Amino acid sequence: MAITLPRQKAKATQVSPAISLIYGTPKVGKTKSLSELEDCLIIDLEKGTRRYDAMAIEAESFEQLNEIILSLHGESKAKGGAPVYKYIAVDTLDILEDIAKHKAAEFYKATPMGKGWYAKNYKAPGVLLPGGETIDTLPNGAGYGYIREAMKWYIEILSRFCKYLILVAHMKDKRLPSADGITEVIVKDISLTGKLGSIIAAQADAIGYMYRDTKGELLISFKTSENAVMGSRCPHIAGQVLPMDWTKIFVD
């Protein structure tokens, strides 16, 4: 079938970020802020929501997260494929990366070279045999590609069940050499392994750095900086530093 090429600009069909990534130091207020967001299912991987009134479900393992995904799929199917929640938040990506190693092992099992390795190390998905090796122990770092694919799989699946997906991560300081090769530059980065942080950041429509100012006010920055990973494709928050208020981020 032939396509019709556009001859004029089309109006934007989405204003708010479909996938957003929020990161900051531990205990800065990320989970509490999420608990205040209406119609937001928090998939709590760190038991952080126990301290707040929140619509949350805990997952401590690969199997428990699979059960949550199956339940979401069932509800979405019953609604004709419609979103189950307006928001789903994954708190945090750091723990999701550990869980994703088991999904990555499943992906590796599906390859010719992975069948024997999987059988030797796992008795069931997500259940290691005593002394078994995890996917990140493959020689020459070969397993990390499968972990990255598993993380992307979780993000894609969860985004089907909500209008807006919020990914929460901790922060780490990365030290890089400066232009003179002598001094170091400290860069605020997402606390994930290797290239995974930049890959997930590329999937996000907005990346916000959450912090407190000298007065203790909770702020979120979408201001692009050489020394921090943040920014937004959404014009209404791009380049902005705002008091933490979800209504300023999700406006449609």
Protein backbone atom coordinates (compact mmCIF):
# COMPACT_ATOMS: atom_id res chain seq x y z
CA MET A 1 0.00 0.00 0.00
CA ALA A 2 1.35 3.42 -0.97
CA ILE A 3 1.76 5.98 1.79
CA THR A 4 0.81 9.63 1.61
CA LEU A 5 3.73 11.90 2.41
CA PRO A 6 2.94 14.90 4.67
CA ARG A 7 2.92 18.39 3.18
CA GLN A 8 2.39 20.39 6.36
CA LYS A 9 3.20 20.24 10.05
CA ALA A 10 0.96 18.15 12.27
CA LYS A 11 0.10 19.28 15.76
CA ALA A 12 1.77 17.50 18.66
CA THR A 13 -0.25 14.51 19.87
CA GLN A 14 1.46 14.17 23.26
CA VAL A 15 2.66 16.81 25.67
CA SER A 16 3.69 14.97 28.86
CA PRO A 17 6.52 12.40 28.98
CA ALA A 18 5.30 8.86 28.27
CA ILE A 19 8.42 7.52 29.97
CA SER A 20 10.20 9.60 32.57
CA LEU A 21 13.32 8.83 34.57
CA ILE A 22 13.70 10.40 38.00
CA TYR A 23 16.90 10.00 39.99
CA GLY A 24 18.60 11.43 43.06
CA THR A 25 20.41 10.49 46.23
CA PRO A 26 18.84 7.91 48.59
CA LYS A 27 16.23 9.31 51.04
CA VAL A 28 15.87 12.61 49.17
CA GLY A 29 12.09 12.09 48.86
CA LYS A 30 11.53 10.20 45.60
CA THR A 31 9.28 7.48 47.02
CA LYS A 32 7.27 9.85 49.23
CA SER A 33 6.64 12.08 46.24
CA LEU A 34 5.41 9.10 44.20
CA SER A 35 3.04 8.09 47.00
CA GLU A 36 1.27 11.45 46.60
CA LEU A 37 0.54 10.88 42.90
CA GLU A 38 -3.07 9.81 42.22
CA ASP A 39 -3.82 6.60 40.28
CA CYS A 40 -0.17 5.57 40.43
CA LEU A 41 0.76 1.94 41.00
CA ILE A 42 4.18 1.83 42.62
CA ILE A 43 6.03 -1.41 41.94
CA ASP A 44 8.08 -1.32 45.11
CA LEU A 45 11.34 -3.25 44.82
CA GLU A 46 12.93 -1.73 47.95
CA LYS A 47 10.04 -1.85 50.49
CA GLY A 48 10.23 1.93 50.62
CA THR A 49 6.48 2.55 50.42
CA ARG A 50 5.78 0.89 53.79
CA ARG A 51 6.36 4.26 55.45
CA TYR A 52 3.70 6.08 53.41
CA ASP A 53 0.06 5.80 52.38
CA ALA A 54 0.55 4.50 48.87
CA MET A 55 -1.00 2.33 46.15
CA ALA A 56 1.94 -0.04 46.01
CA ILE A 57 2.77 -3.67 45.43
CA GLU A 58 6.05 -5.17 46.57
CA ALA A 59 8.20 -7.51 44.52
CA GLU A 60 11.31 -9.13 45.90
CA SER A 61 12.02 -11.64 43.16
CA PHE A 62 11.84 -12.44 39.47
CA GLU A 63 8.80 -14.66 40.08
CA GLN A 64 6.89 -11.99 42.01
CA LEU A 65 7.52 -9.38 39.32
CA ASN A 66 6.31 -11.86 36.70
CA GLU A 67 3.09 -12.35 38.68
CA ILE A 68 2.53 -8.58 38.75
CA ILE A 69 3.05 -8.34 35.00
CA LEU A 70 0.65 -11.24 34.36
CA SER A 71 -2.00 -9.56 36.56
CA LEU A 72 -1.57 -6.27 34.71
CA HIS A 73 -1.85 -8.10 31.40
CA GLY A 74 -5.05 -9.81 32.52
CA GLU A 75 -6.68 -6.55 33.62
CA SER A 76 -5.59 -4.74 30.47
CA LYS A 77 -6.96 -7.56 28.30
CA ALA A 78 -10.29 -7.39 30.15
CA LYS A 79 -10.41 -3.66 29.32
CA GLY A 80 -9.75 -4.27 25.63
CA GLY A 81 -6.07 -3.41 25.87
CA ALA A 82 -6.62 -0.11 27.68
CA PRO A 83 -4.17 1.11 30.36
CA VAL A 84 -4.80 -0.30 33.84
CA TYR A 85 -3.40 2.76 35.66
CA LYS A 86 -2.68 6.32 34.66
CA TYR A 87 0.81 5.96 36.13
CA ILE A 88 3.07 3.04 36.95
CA ALA A 89 6.28 3.75 38.85
CA VAL A 90 9.19 1.32 39.16
CA ASP A 91 11.06 2.02 42.41
CA THR A 92 13.97 1.45 41.80
CA LEU A 93 15.80 0.58 38.59
CA ASP A 94 18.84 -0.44 40.62
CA ILE A 95 16.94 -3.45 42.01
CA LEU A 96 15.19 -4.11 38.70
CA GLU A 97 18.63 -4.63 37.17
CA ASP A 98 19.27 -7.49 39.62
CA ILE A 99 15.90 -9.08 38.83
CA ALA A 100 16.49 -8.61 35.11
CA LYS A 101 19.50 -10.93 35.27
CA HIS A 102 17.08 -13.85 35.48
CA LYS A 103 15.08 -12.64 32.46
CA ALA A 104 18.42 -12.16 30.69
CA ALA A 105 19.26 -15.79 31.47
CA GLU A 106 16.00 -16.80 29.78
CA PHE A 107 17.01 -14.83 26.70
CA TYR A 108 20.41 -16.52 26.72
CA LYS A 109 18.77 -19.95 27.10
CA ALA A 110 16.94 -19.30 23.83
CA THR A 111 20.25 -19.13 21.95
CA PRO A 112 22.12 -22.26 20.75
CA MET A 113 25.10 -21.55 23.02
CA GLY A 114 22.94 -20.78 26.03
CA LYS A 115 20.98 -24.03 26.31
CA GLY A 116 23.67 -26.02 28.10
CA TRP A 117 24.77 -23.10 30.27
CA TYR A 118 21.20 -22.49 31.43
CA ALA A 119 20.55 -26.14 32.22
CA LYS A 120 23.76 -26.28 34.25
CA ASN A 121 22.97 -23.19 36.35
CA TYR A 122 19.18 -22.90 36.67
CA LYS A 123 16.52 -25.41 37.71
CA ALA A 124 13.71 -22.95 36.86
CA PRO A 125 13.47 -19.34 35.63
CA GLY A 126 14.92 -17.12 38.31
CA VAL A 127 15.97 -20.06 40.53
CA LEU A 128 19.71 -20.62 40.58
CA LEU A 129 21.14 -24.03 41.37
CA PRO A 130 23.60 -24.10 44.29
CA GLY A 131 26.87 -22.76 42.99
CA GLY A 132 25.23 -21.67 39.74
CA GLU A 133 26.58 -18.78 37.69
CA THR A 134 24.54 -15.69 36.90
CA ILE A 135 24.40 -14.16 33.44
CA ASP A 136 26.81 -11.38 34.38
CA THR A 137 29.59 -13.94 34.92
CA LEU A 138 29.78 -14.92 31.24
CA PRO A 139 33.30 -14.49 29.82
CA ASN A 140 34.29 -11.14 28.33
CA GLY A 141 31.15 -9.43 29.66
CA ALA A 142 28.97 -11.24 27.11
CA GLY A 143 26.04 -11.40 29.54
CA TYR A 144 25.61 -7.65 29.88
CA GLY A 145 24.06 -7.36 26.44
CA TYR A 146 21.32 -9.76 27.54
CA ILE A 147 20.79 -7.80 30.77
CA ARG A 148 20.33 -4.61 28.75
CA GLU A 149 17.79 -6.36 26.52
CA ALA A 150 15.95 -7.66 29.59
CA MET A 151 15.74 -4.18 31.12
CA LYS A 152 14.40 -2.76 27.86
CA TRP A 153 11.88 -5.62 27.78
CA TYR A 154 10.56 -4.78 31.26
CA ILE A 155 10.22 -1.10 30.39
CA GLU A 156 8.40 -1.84 27.13
CA ILE A 157 6.02 -4.32 28.79
CA LEU A 158 5.15 -2.09 31.75
CA SER A 159 4.57 0.92 29.52
CA ARG A 160 1.71 -0.98 27.86
CA PHE A 161 -0.31 -0.99 31.08
CA CYS A 162 -0.25 2.73 31.87
CA LYS A 163 -0.43 6.10 30.23
CA TYR A 164 2.76 7.27 31.91
CA LEU A 165 5.66 5.14 33.13
CA ILE A 166 7.95 6.60 35.81
CA LEU A 167 11.34 4.99 36.39
CA VAL A 168 13.12 5.79 39.63
CA ALA A 169 16.86 5.36 40.17
CA HIS A 170 19.56 6.26 42.64
CA MET A 171 22.42 8.56 41.76
CA LYS A 172 26.13 7.90 41.60
CA ASP A 173 29.07 10.23 41.09
CA LYS A 174 31.19 9.32 38.10
CA ARG A 175 34.73 10.70 37.90
CA LEU A 176 35.95 11.62 34.43
CA PRO A 177 39.24 13.17 33.29
CA SER A 178 38.99 16.80 32.26
CA ALA A 179 40.30 18.24 29.02
CA ASP A 180 43.75 18.83 30.53
CA GLY A 181 44.03 15.16 31.48
CA ILE A 182 45.09 16.04 35.03
CA THR A 183 42.08 17.14 37.04
CA GLU A 184 38.82 15.20 37.36
CA VAL A 185 35.24 16.20 36.66
CA ILE A 186 32.51 14.71 38.86
CA VAL A 187 29.42 13.87 36.84
CA LYS A 188 26.04 13.00 38.38
CA ASP A 189 24.97 9.75 36.75
CA ILE A 190 22.30 7.05 37.06
CA SER A 191 23.33 4.19 39.35
CA LEU A 192 23.22 1.39 36.78
CA THR A 193 25.94 -0.83 35.35
CA GLY A 194 28.03 0.18 32.35
CA LYS A 195 26.10 1.43 29.33
CA LEU A 196 22.73 0.56 30.83
CA GLY A 197 22.15 4.01 32.31
CA SER A 198 22.65 5.79 28.98
CA ILE A 199 20.54 3.23 27.11
CA ILE A 200 17.57 3.66 29.45
CA ALA A 201 18.06 7.43 29.48
CA ALA A 202 17.70 7.34 25.69
CA GLN A 203 14.29 5.63 26.07
CA ALA A 204 13.01 8.34 28.42
CA ASP A 205 11.17 11.45 27.23
CA ALA A 206 12.28 13.32 30.34
CA ILE A 207 15.10 12.83 32.85
CA GLY A 208 14.80 14.71 36.11
CA TYR A 209 17.35 15.10 38.86
CA MET A 210 15.60 15.41 42.25
CA TYR A 211 17.37 17.22 45.07
CA ARG A 212 16.83 19.58 48.00
CA ASP A 213 18.03 23.17 48.08
CA THR A 214 19.69 24.85 51.06
CA LYS A 215 16.25 25.53 52.56
CA GLY A 216 15.23 21.88 52.30
CA GLU A 217 12.74 22.41 49.47
CA LEU A 218 12.42 19.44 47.11
CA LEU A 219 13.26 20.44 43.53
CA ILE A 220 13.54 18.65 40.22
CA SER A 221 15.82 19.77 37.43
CA PHE A 222 15.37 19.08 33.73
CA LYS A 223 18.11 21.55 32.91
CA THR A 224 20.69 20.03 30.58
CA SER A 225 24.17 20.07 32.06
CA GLU A 226 27.57 18.68 31.15
CA ASN A 227 27.95 17.46 34.74
CA ALA A 228 24.63 15.66 35.12
CA VAL A 229 22.34 13.38 33.14
CA MET A 230 19.06 15.27 32.74
CA GLY A 231 16.88 16.98 30.18
CA SER A 232 13.55 16.62 28.39
CA ARG A 233 12.01 16.28 24.95
CA CYS A 234 8.86 17.91 26.34
CA PRO A 235 8.98 21.69 25.75
CA HIS A 236 7.01 22.64 28.89
CA ILE A 237 9.72 21.26 31.23
CA ALA A 238 12.82 21.31 29.03
CA GLY A 239 15.58 23.32 30.68
CA GLN A 240 13.44 23.96 33.78
CA VAL A 241 14.24 23.70 37.49
CA LEU A 242 10.92 23.30 39.32
CA PRO A 243 9.56 22.72 42.82
CA MET A 244 8.67 19.02 42.84
CA ASP A 245 5.06 19.01 41.64
CA TRP A 246 3.78 16.22 39.39
CA THR A 247 1.11 18.53 37.91
CA LYS A 248 3.91 20.62 36.39
CA ILE A 249 5.32 17.53 34.65
CA PHE A 250 2.14 15.74 33.56
CA VAL A 251 -0.10 18.39 32.10
CA ASP A 252 -2.38 16.42 29.78
